[in-house]
Amino acid sequence: MPKKKSASWTRKSGKNPEGGLNEAGRKSYERENPGSDLKRPVSKEEAKRSPKAAARRKSYCARSAGQMKDFPKAAKDPNSRLRKARRKWDC
């Protein structure tokens, strides 16, 4: 019996090379976790247009700053998923 592939959000195909998940990865995560509603990252430009988006961005940047402290190896590596995601969010 062939082995079942894991969800795309856990594989390269569901990840954005510039950081975070791509659309396929977000849809895959939502299928596995009913009730979840993942949204795309918010850039500075988008945050200027919407206070709600600005609040999401501020919250994400604060949480990921804590991850930078918890994972110093990832914080030093400019190609780590954490650093790439923070760049995507303009943190």
C-alpha atoms as a PDB file:
ATOM      1  CA  MET A   1       0.000   0.000   0.000  1.00  0.00           C
ATOM      2  CA  PRO A   2       1.515   3.393  -0.976  1.00  0.00           C
ATOM      3  CA  LYS A   3       2.406   5.749   1.822  1.00  0.00           C
ATOM      4  CA  LYS A   4       0.051   8.732   2.184  1.00  0.00           C
ATOM      5  CA  LYS A   5       1.680  12.126   1.638  1.00  0.00           C
ATOM      6  CA  SER A   6       1.728  14.521   4.554  1.00  0.00           C
ATOM      7  CA  ALA A   7      -0.240  17.753   4.338  1.00  0.00           C
ATOM      8  CA  SER A   8       1.282  20.369   2.049  1.00  0.00           C
ATOM      9  CA  TRP A   9       1.582  22.936   4.858  1.00  0.00           C
ATOM     10  CA  THR A  10       4.250  20.679   6.406  1.00  0.00           C
ATOM     11  CA  ARG A  11       6.099  20.156   3.108  1.00  0.00           C
ATOM     12  CA  LYS A  12       8.079  22.419   0.815  1.00  0.00           C
ATOM     13  CA  SER A  13       5.170  22.623  -1.650  1.00  0.00           C
ATOM     14  CA  GLY A  14       3.044  24.508   0.902  1.00  0.00           C
ATOM     15  CA  LYS A  15       5.736  26.931   2.026  1.00  0.00           C
ATOM     16  CA  ASN A  16       6.585  30.251   0.470  1.00  0.00           C
ATOM     17  CA  PRO A  17      10.340  30.440  -0.292  1.00  0.00           C
ATOM     18  CA  GLU A  18      10.300  34.033   0.992  1.00  0.00           C
ATOM     19  CA  GLY A  19       8.782  33.010   4.356  1.00  0.00           C
ATOM     20  CA  GLY A  20       5.476  31.776   5.737  1.00  0.00           C
ATOM     21  CA  LEU A  21       2.939  29.581   3.971  1.00  0.00           C
ATOM     22  CA  ASN A  22       1.707  30.007   0.434  1.00  0.00           C
ATOM     23  CA  GLU A  23      -1.989  29.822  -0.489  1.00  0.00           C
ATOM     24  CA  ALA A  24      -1.854  26.031  -0.958  1.00  0.00           C
ATOM     25  CA  GLY A  25      -0.251  25.655   2.478  1.00  0.00           C
ATOM     26  CA  ARG A  26      -2.893  27.822   4.156  1.00  0.00           C
ATOM     27  CA  LYS A  27      -5.734  25.854   2.508  1.00  0.00           C
ATOM     28  CA  SER A  28      -4.092  22.558   3.498  1.00  0.00           C
ATOM     29  CA  TYR A  29      -3.788  23.708   7.137  1.00  0.00           C
ATOM     30  CA  GLU A  30      -7.427  24.806   7.194  1.00  0.00           C
ATOM     31  CA  ARG A  31      -8.563  21.401   5.878  1.00  0.00           C
ATOM     32  CA  GLU A  32      -6.660  19.621   8.673  1.00  0.00           C
ATOM     33  CA  ASN A  33      -7.791  22.080  11.350  1.00  0.00           C
ATOM     34  CA  PRO A  34     -11.494  22.884  10.836  1.00  0.00           C
ATOM     35  CA  GLY A  35     -12.489  26.262  12.192  1.00  0.00           C
ATOM     36  CA  SER A  36      -9.083  27.821  11.578  1.00  0.00           C
ATOM     37  CA  ASP A  37      -8.833  30.849   9.321  1.00  0.00           C
ATOM     38  CA  LEU A  38      -5.226  31.576   8.376  1.00  0.00           C
ATOM     39  CA  LYS A  39      -4.674  34.885   6.653  1.00  0.00           C
ATOM     40  CA  ARG A  40      -1.749  36.087   4.582  1.00  0.00           C
ATOM     41  CA  PRO A  41       0.971  38.295   6.158  1.00  0.00           C
ATOM     42  CA  VAL A  42       0.336  42.024   6.537  1.00  0.00           C
ATOM     43  CA  SER A  43       2.984  44.400   5.175  1.00  0.00           C
ATOM     44  CA  LYS A  44       3.562  47.974   6.371  1.00  0.00           C
ATOM     45  CA  GLU A  45       1.685  49.311   3.357  1.00  0.00           C
ATOM     46  CA  GLU A  46      -1.382  47.154   4.063  1.00  0.00           C
ATOM     47  CA  ALA A  47      -1.238  48.083   7.758  1.00  0.00           C
ATOM     48  CA  LYS A  48      -1.441  51.789   6.880  1.00  0.00           C
ATOM     49  CA  ARG A  49      -4.768  51.222   5.116  1.00  0.00           C
ATOM     50  CA  SER A  50      -6.468  49.150   7.820  1.00  0.00           C
ATOM     51  CA  PRO A  51      -6.307  49.508  11.615  1.00  0.00           C
ATOM     52  CA  LYS A  52      -7.399  45.879  11.982  1.00  0.00           C
ATOM     53  CA  ALA A  53      -4.513  44.702   9.775  1.00  0.00           C
ATOM     54  CA  ALA A  54      -2.128  46.984  11.665  1.00  0.00           C
ATOM     55  CA  ALA A  55      -3.158  45.337  14.942  1.00  0.00           C
ATOM     56  CA  ARG A  56      -2.546  41.849  13.465  1.00  0.00           C
ATOM     57  CA  ARG A  57       0.893  42.921  12.256  1.00  0.00           C
ATOM     58  CA  LYS A  58       1.825  44.476  15.608  1.00  0.00           C
ATOM     59  CA  SER A  59       0.715  41.333  17.436  1.00  0.00           C
ATOM     60  CA  TYR A  60       2.638  38.998  15.101  1.00  0.00           C
ATOM     61  CA  CYS A  61       5.809  41.080  15.331  1.00  0.00           C
ATOM     62  CA  ALA A  62       5.624  41.061  19.141  1.00  0.00           C
ATOM     63  CA  ARG A  63       5.121  37.268  19.269  1.00  0.00           C
ATOM     64  CA  SER A  64       7.881  36.551  16.783  1.00  0.00           C
ATOM     65  CA  ALA A  65      10.276  38.840  18.668  1.00  0.00           C
ATOM     66  CA  GLY A  66       9.838  36.435  21.594  1.00  0.00           C
ATOM     67  CA  GLN A  67      10.682  33.521  19.304  1.00  0.00           C
ATOM     68  CA  MET A  68      13.892  35.321  18.317  1.00  0.00           C
ATOM     69  CA  LYS A  69      14.892  35.205  21.998  1.00  0.00           C
ATOM     70  CA  ASP A  70      13.890  31.553  22.422  1.00  0.00           C
ATOM     71  CA  PHE A  71      15.690  30.385  19.273  1.00  0.00           C
ATOM     72  CA  PRO A  72      18.990  32.300  19.056  1.00  0.00           C
ATOM     73  CA  LYS A  73      20.332  29.995  16.341  1.00  0.00           C
ATOM     74  CA  ALA A  74      17.381  30.848  14.074  1.00  0.00           C
ATOM     75  CA  ALA A  75      17.667  34.525  15.035  1.00  0.00           C
ATOM     76  CA  LYS A  76      21.262  34.641  13.755  1.00  0.00           C
ATOM     77  CA  ASP A  77      20.551  32.795  10.498  1.00  0.00           C
ATOM     78  CA  PRO A  78      19.133  35.182   7.848  1.00  0.00           C
ATOM     79  CA  ASN A  79      17.723  32.200   5.902  1.00  0.00           C
ATOM     80  CA  SER A  80      15.789  30.652   8.816  1.00  0.00           C
ATOM     81  CA  ARG A  81      12.006  30.315   8.423  1.00  0.00           C
ATOM     82  CA  LEU A  82      11.559  32.653  11.412  1.00  0.00           C
ATOM     83  CA  ARG A  83      13.654  35.456   9.900  1.00  0.00           C
ATOM     84  CA  LYS A  84      12.031  35.023   6.480  1.00  0.00           C
ATOM     85  CA  ALA A  85       8.551  35.251   7.996  1.00  0.00           C
ATOM     86  CA  ARG A  86       9.504  38.387   9.952  1.00  0.00           C
ATOM     87  CA  ARG A  87      10.770  39.980   6.740  1.00  0.00           C
ATOM     88  CA  LYS A  88       7.486  39.105   5.035  1.00  0.00           C
ATOM     89  CA  TRP A  89       5.600  40.897   7.816  1.00  0.00           C
ATOM     90  CA  ASP A  90       8.064  43.869   7.725  1.00  0.00           C
ATOM     91  CA  CYS A  91       9.027  43.337  11.379  1.00  0.00           C
END
